[in-house]
Amino acid sequence: MGEHHGRMNTAPSPAPLGHVASLHLHPAESGAPLQAVDAVEVVAGKGISGDARYFGRLSRDTGQPTRRQVSLIEREQIGEHATALGLPAIAPGAVRSNIETSGVNLIALLGQKVEIGGAVLHLYAPRDPCAKMDAICQGLRARMMDQRQGVLAEVVRSGAVRVGDAILILEP
């Protein structure tokens, strides 16, 4: 088999940007710890199946499904915040994101679609850190402002997402 340099008809497959470090589900009761899982099923227009707090939630304003379906945050960012606040670490799931990532700049991907496992997510907005962040450590909420927080996504294509799955950017 010699190397061939001719252009293929198929689009080049995108290089993975990073991967899923951990997955977490919101419990039914507000404020209870998130549950770590190895895999989740995301459903287009609804969110993560089994996520008691956000799955299939409707907007109070429009009656339509809310866009806030999946939240993602970078492990690197969590680590940076922990260091800045003098913490040895912030445990996976403590910042209440569904997907913790490694090796990818999520804020830089706002407005883009990414493929993770069998699913496609549209990263549409930075996530406003809530007061619960200061319950982890005073000052964490303020540190998560200004592009140092997670992002919110809506589910474009249903599919399974597993810990370790690559995160690929889809060309518009």
C-alpha atoms as a PDB file:
ATOM      1  CA  MET A   1       0.000   0.000   0.000  1.00  0.00           C
ATOM      2  CA  GLY A   2       1.696   3.212  -1.125  1.00  0.00           C
ATOM      3  CA  GLU A   3       0.771   6.549   0.371  1.00  0.00           C
ATOM      4  CA  HIS A   4      -1.786   8.426  -1.678  1.00  0.00           C
ATOM      5  CA  HIS A   5      -1.963  12.168  -1.627  1.00  0.00           C
ATOM      6  CA  GLY A   6      -5.065  12.633  -3.777  1.00  0.00           C
ATOM      7  CA  ARG A   7      -8.087  14.366  -2.230  1.00  0.00           C
ATOM      8  CA  MET A   8     -10.738  12.017  -0.985  1.00  0.00           C
ATOM      9  CA  ASN A   9     -14.388  12.773  -1.646  1.00  0.00           C
ATOM     10  CA  THR A  10     -15.193  12.531   2.040  1.00  0.00           C
ATOM     11  CA  ALA A  11     -14.535  15.530   4.241  1.00  0.00           C
ATOM     12  CA  PRO A  12     -11.498  15.123   6.457  1.00  0.00           C
ATOM     13  CA  SER A  13     -12.528  13.889   9.878  1.00  0.00           C
ATOM     14  CA  PRO A  14     -12.048  16.626  12.448  1.00  0.00           C
ATOM     15  CA  ALA A  15      -9.206  16.296  14.921  1.00  0.00           C
ATOM     16  CA  PRO A  16     -10.407  15.701  18.452  1.00  0.00           C
ATOM     17  CA  LEU A  17     -10.100  18.792  20.629  1.00  0.00           C
ATOM     18  CA  GLY A  18     -10.282  17.025  23.937  1.00  0.00           C
ATOM     19  CA  HIS A  19     -12.363  14.444  25.717  1.00  0.00           C
ATOM     20  CA  VAL A  20     -15.031  13.848  28.322  1.00  0.00           C
ATOM     21  CA  ALA A  21     -13.378  13.589  31.761  1.00  0.00           C
ATOM     22  CA  SER A  22     -16.526  12.836  33.766  1.00  0.00           C
ATOM     23  CA  LEU A  23     -20.320  12.873  33.521  1.00  0.00           C
ATOM     24  CA  HIS A  24     -22.801  13.970  36.177  1.00  0.00           C
ATOM     25  CA  LEU A  25     -26.567  13.955  36.619  1.00  0.00           C
ATOM     26  CA  HIS A  26     -28.604  16.431  38.674  1.00  0.00           C
ATOM     27  CA  PRO A  27     -30.683  14.808  41.399  1.00  0.00           C
ATOM     28  CA  ALA A  28     -34.370  15.605  41.818  1.00  0.00           C
ATOM     29  CA  GLU A  29     -33.780  17.608  44.978  1.00  0.00           C
ATOM     30  CA  SER A  30     -32.110  20.957  44.469  1.00  0.00           C
ATOM     31  CA  GLY A  31     -28.706  21.273  46.111  1.00  0.00           C
ATOM     32  CA  ALA A  32     -28.112  17.537  46.590  1.00  0.00           C
ATOM     33  CA  PRO A  33     -24.789  16.228  45.189  1.00  0.00           C
ATOM     34  CA  LEU A  34     -24.671  15.319  41.527  1.00  0.00           C
ATOM     35  CA  GLN A  35     -24.442  11.643  40.647  1.00  0.00           C
ATOM     36  CA  ALA A  36     -21.367  10.536  38.662  1.00  0.00           C
ATOM     37  CA  VAL A  37     -22.093   8.129  35.795  1.00  0.00           C
ATOM     38  CA  ASP A  38     -20.013   6.405  33.096  1.00  0.00           C
ATOM     39  CA  ALA A  39     -22.393   7.163  30.233  1.00  0.00           C
ATOM     40  CA  VAL A  40     -25.459   9.252  29.475  1.00  0.00           C
ATOM     41  CA  GLU A  41     -28.075   9.300  26.749  1.00  0.00           C
ATOM     42  CA  VAL A  42     -28.794  12.783  25.430  1.00  0.00           C
ATOM     43  CA  VAL A  43     -32.055  13.500  23.646  1.00  0.00           C
ATOM     44  CA  ALA A  44     -32.448  16.176  20.965  1.00  0.00           C
ATOM     45  CA  GLY A  45     -34.338  19.205  22.233  1.00  0.00           C
ATOM     46  CA  LYS A  46     -34.641  17.799  25.757  1.00  0.00           C
ATOM     47  CA  GLY A  47     -31.298  17.187  27.427  1.00  0.00           C
ATOM     48  CA  ILE A  48     -29.861  14.247  29.329  1.00  0.00           C
ATOM     49  CA  SER A  49     -32.187  11.335  29.934  1.00  0.00           C
ATOM     50  CA  GLY A  50     -32.267  10.703  33.683  1.00  0.00           C
ATOM     51  CA  ASP A  51     -31.217  14.225  34.653  1.00  0.00           C
ATOM     52  CA  ALA A  52     -34.020  14.934  37.103  1.00  0.00           C
ATOM     53  CA  ARG A  53     -33.590  18.667  37.193  1.00  0.00           C
ATOM     54  CA  TYR A  54     -33.297  19.716  33.551  1.00  0.00           C
ATOM     55  CA  PHE A  55     -34.543  16.910  31.295  1.00  0.00           C
ATOM     56  CA  GLY A  56     -37.421  18.033  29.092  1.00  0.00           C
ATOM     57  CA  ARG A  57     -37.871  21.211  31.098  1.00  0.00           C
ATOM     58  CA  LEU A  58     -40.132  23.818  29.540  1.00  0.00           C
ATOM     59  CA  SER A  59     -39.483  27.537  29.510  1.00  0.00           C
ATOM     60  CA  ARG A  60     -41.780  29.490  31.807  1.00  0.00           C
ATOM     61  CA  ASP A  61     -41.892  32.242  29.180  1.00  0.00           C
ATOM     62  CA  THR A  62     -42.513  30.329  25.966  1.00  0.00           C
ATOM     63  CA  GLY A  63     -43.819  26.899  27.009  1.00  0.00           C
ATOM     64  CA  GLN A  64     -41.177  25.487  24.630  1.00  0.00           C
ATOM     65  CA  PRO A  65     -38.273  23.306  25.815  1.00  0.00           C
ATOM     66  CA  THR A  66     -35.573  25.447  27.418  1.00  0.00           C
ATOM     67  CA  ARG A  67     -32.273  25.716  25.592  1.00  0.00           C
ATOM     68  CA  ARG A  68     -30.480  24.959  28.845  1.00  0.00           C
ATOM     69  CA  GLN A  69     -30.168  21.221  28.287  1.00  0.00           C
ATOM     70  CA  VAL A  70     -26.562  20.283  29.031  1.00  0.00           C
ATOM     71  CA  SER A  71     -23.813  22.127  30.925  1.00  0.00           C
ATOM     72  CA  LEU A  72     -20.112  21.614  30.295  1.00  0.00           C
ATOM     73  CA  ILE A  73     -16.986  22.873  32.054  1.00  0.00           C
ATOM     74  CA  GLU A  74     -13.253  22.314  31.626  1.00  0.00           C
ATOM     75  CA  ARG A  75     -11.349  20.357  34.255  1.00  0.00           C
ATOM     76  CA  GLU A  76      -8.384  22.689  33.630  1.00  0.00           C
ATOM     77  CA  GLN A  77     -10.511  25.651  34.646  1.00  0.00           C
ATOM     78  CA  ILE A  78     -11.761  23.926  37.786  1.00  0.00           C
ATOM     79  CA  GLY A  79      -8.138  23.144  38.692  1.00  0.00           C
ATOM     80  CA  GLU A  80      -7.099  26.755  38.123  1.00  0.00           C
ATOM     81  CA  HIS A  81      -9.883  28.024  40.358  1.00  0.00           C
ATOM     82  CA  ALA A  82      -8.959  25.527  43.087  1.00  0.00           C
ATOM     83  CA  THR A  83      -5.328  26.674  43.008  1.00  0.00           C
ATOM     84  CA  ALA A  84      -6.271  30.358  43.046  1.00  0.00           C
ATOM     85  CA  LEU A  85      -8.536  29.796  46.050  1.00  0.00           C
ATOM     86  CA  GLY A  86      -5.970  27.700  47.918  1.00  0.00           C
ATOM     87  CA  LEU A  87      -7.918  24.432  47.649  1.00  0.00           C
ATOM     88  CA  PRO A  88      -6.120  21.123  47.058  1.00  0.00           C
ATOM     89  CA  ALA A  89      -8.813  20.224  44.516  1.00  0.00           C
ATOM     90  CA  ILE A  90     -12.465  20.654  43.642  1.00  0.00           C
ATOM     91  CA  ALA A  91     -14.114  17.252  43.325  1.00  0.00           C
ATOM     92  CA  PRO A  92     -15.594  16.105  40.013  1.00  0.00           C
ATOM     93  CA  GLY A  93     -19.253  17.105  39.874  1.00  0.00           C
ATOM     94  CA  ALA A  94     -18.892  19.704  42.637  1.00  0.00           C
ATOM     95  CA  VAL A  95     -19.385  22.610  40.238  1.00  0.00           C
ATOM     96  CA  ARG A  96     -22.664  21.026  39.101  1.00  0.00           C
ATOM     97  CA  SER A  97     -21.870  20.619  35.404  1.00  0.00           C
ATOM     98  CA  ASN A  98     -23.132  17.604  33.476  1.00  0.00           C
ATOM     99  CA  ILE A  99     -19.960  17.144  31.439  1.00  0.00           C
ATOM    100  CA  GLU A 100     -16.458  17.902  32.681  1.00  0.00           C
ATOM    101  CA  THR A 101     -13.989  18.086  29.794  1.00  0.00           C
ATOM    102  CA  SER A 102     -10.236  17.860  29.411  1.00  0.00           C
ATOM    103  CA  GLY A 103      -8.071  19.371  26.666  1.00  0.00           C
ATOM    104  CA  VAL A 104     -10.594  21.725  25.071  1.00  0.00           C
ATOM    105  CA  ASN A 105     -11.317  25.479  25.279  1.00  0.00           C
ATOM    106  CA  LEU A 106     -15.105  25.513  25.533  1.00  0.00           C
ATOM    107  CA  ILE A 107     -15.576  29.291  25.589  1.00  0.00           C
ATOM    108  CA  ALA A 108     -13.718  29.524  22.271  1.00  0.00           C
ATOM    109  CA  LEU A 109     -16.299  27.147  20.781  1.00  0.00           C
ATOM    110  CA  LEU A 110     -19.395  29.173  21.670  1.00  0.00           C
ATOM    111  CA  GLY A 111     -21.768  29.284  18.721  1.00  0.00           C
ATOM    112  CA  GLN A 112     -20.354  26.028  17.311  1.00  0.00           C
ATOM    113  CA  LYS A 113     -21.628  22.496  17.192  1.00  0.00           C
ATOM    114  CA  VAL A 114     -19.530  19.694  18.654  1.00  0.00           C
ATOM    115  CA  GLU A 115     -19.846  15.959  18.339  1.00  0.00           C
ATOM    116  CA  ILE A 116     -19.311  13.955  21.512  1.00  0.00           C
ATOM    117  CA  GLY A 117     -19.805  10.220  21.200  1.00  0.00           C
ATOM    118  CA  GLY A 118     -23.015   9.696  19.236  1.00  0.00           C
ATOM    119  CA  ALA A 119     -24.445  13.088  20.128  1.00  0.00           C
ATOM    120  CA  VAL A 120     -24.175  16.582  18.678  1.00  0.00           C
ATOM    121  CA  LEU A 121     -24.395  19.581  20.987  1.00  0.00           C
ATOM    122  CA  HIS A 122     -24.698  23.267  20.100  1.00  0.00           C
ATOM    123  CA  LEU A 123     -22.683  25.356  22.585  1.00  0.00           C
ATOM    124  CA  TYR A 124     -24.733  28.517  22.789  1.00  0.00           C
ATOM    125  CA  ALA A 125     -23.920  30.557  25.894  1.00  0.00           C
ATOM    126  CA  PRO A 126     -21.583  30.912  28.838  1.00  0.00           C
ATOM    127  CA  ARG A 127     -23.117  29.583  32.024  1.00  0.00           C
ATOM    128  CA  ASP A 128     -23.724  32.108  34.785  1.00  0.00           C
ATOM    129  CA  PRO A 129     -22.217  30.651  37.946  1.00  0.00           C
ATOM    130  CA  CYS A 130     -24.816  30.307  40.691  1.00  0.00           C
ATOM    131  CA  ALA A 131     -24.554  31.093  44.392  1.00  0.00           C
ATOM    132  CA  LYS A 132     -23.965  27.379  45.081  1.00  0.00           C
ATOM    133  CA  MET A 133     -20.396  27.901  43.833  1.00  0.00           C
ATOM    134  CA  ASP A 134     -19.587  29.983  46.915  1.00  0.00           C
ATOM    135  CA  ALA A 135     -20.826  27.078  49.055  1.00  0.00           C
ATOM    136  CA  ILE A 136     -17.873  25.066  47.664  1.00  0.00           C
ATOM    137  CA  CYS A 137     -15.494  27.897  48.462  1.00  0.00           C
ATOM    138  CA  GLN A 138     -16.097  31.588  49.109  1.00  0.00           C
ATOM    139  CA  GLY A 139     -14.907  33.510  46.064  1.00  0.00           C
ATOM    140  CA  LEU A 140     -15.407  30.698  43.543  1.00  0.00           C
ATOM    141  CA  ARG A 141     -18.468  32.323  41.992  1.00  0.00           C
ATOM    142  CA  ALA A 142     -16.597  35.581  41.310  1.00  0.00           C
ATOM    143  CA  ARG A 143     -13.689  33.655  39.793  1.00  0.00           C
ATOM    144  CA  MET A 144     -16.076  31.943  37.395  1.00  0.00           C
ATOM    145  CA  MET A 145     -17.205  35.198  35.791  1.00  0.00           C
ATOM    146  CA  ASP A 146     -15.528  36.677  32.704  1.00  0.00           C
ATOM    147  CA  GLN A 147     -15.057  33.701  30.404  1.00  0.00           C
ATOM    148  CA  ARG A 148     -13.805  31.452  33.180  1.00  0.00           C
ATOM    149  CA  GLN A 149     -16.960  29.450  33.604  1.00  0.00           C
ATOM    150  CA  GLY A 150     -18.686  26.600  31.887  1.00  0.00           C
ATOM    151  CA  VAL A 151     -20.952  26.729  28.862  1.00  0.00           C
ATOM    152  CA  LEU A 152     -24.536  25.744  28.159  1.00  0.00           C
ATOM    153  CA  ALA A 153     -25.533  23.553  25.250  1.00  0.00           C
ATOM    154  CA  GLU A 154     -28.647  22.350  23.534  1.00  0.00           C
ATOM    155  CA  VAL A 155     -28.866  18.865  22.091  1.00  0.00           C
ATOM    156  CA  VAL A 156     -29.000  18.857  18.272  1.00  0.00           C
ATOM    157  CA  ARG A 157     -28.685  15.094  17.744  1.00  0.00           C
ATOM    158  CA  SER A 158     -29.582  12.378  20.233  1.00  0.00           C
ATOM    159  CA  GLY A 159     -26.947   9.824  21.174  1.00  0.00           C
ATOM    160  CA  ALA A 160     -24.854   8.212  23.875  1.00  0.00           C
ATOM    161  CA  VAL A 161     -21.972  10.078  25.507  1.00  0.00           C
ATOM    162  CA  ARG A 162     -19.385   8.183  27.542  1.00  0.00           C
ATOM    163  CA  VAL A 163     -16.470   9.134  29.760  1.00  0.00           C
ATOM    164  CA  GLY A 164     -13.399   9.247  27.511  1.00  0.00           C
ATOM    165  CA  ASP A 165     -15.310  10.175  24.349  1.00  0.00           C
ATOM    166  CA  ALA A 166     -13.487  12.610  22.064  1.00  0.00           C
ATOM    167  CA  ILE A 167     -14.939  16.086  21.499  1.00  0.00           C
ATOM    168  CA  LEU A 168     -14.946  17.002  17.805  1.00  0.00           C
ATOM    169  CA  ILE A 169     -15.829  20.320  16.237  1.00  0.00           C
ATOM    170  CA  LEU A 170     -18.295  20.132  13.339  1.00  0.00           C
ATOM    171  CA  GLU A 171     -17.797  22.425  10.396  1.00  0.00           C
ATOM    172  CA  PRO A 172     -20.807  24.746   9.983  1.00  0.00           C
END
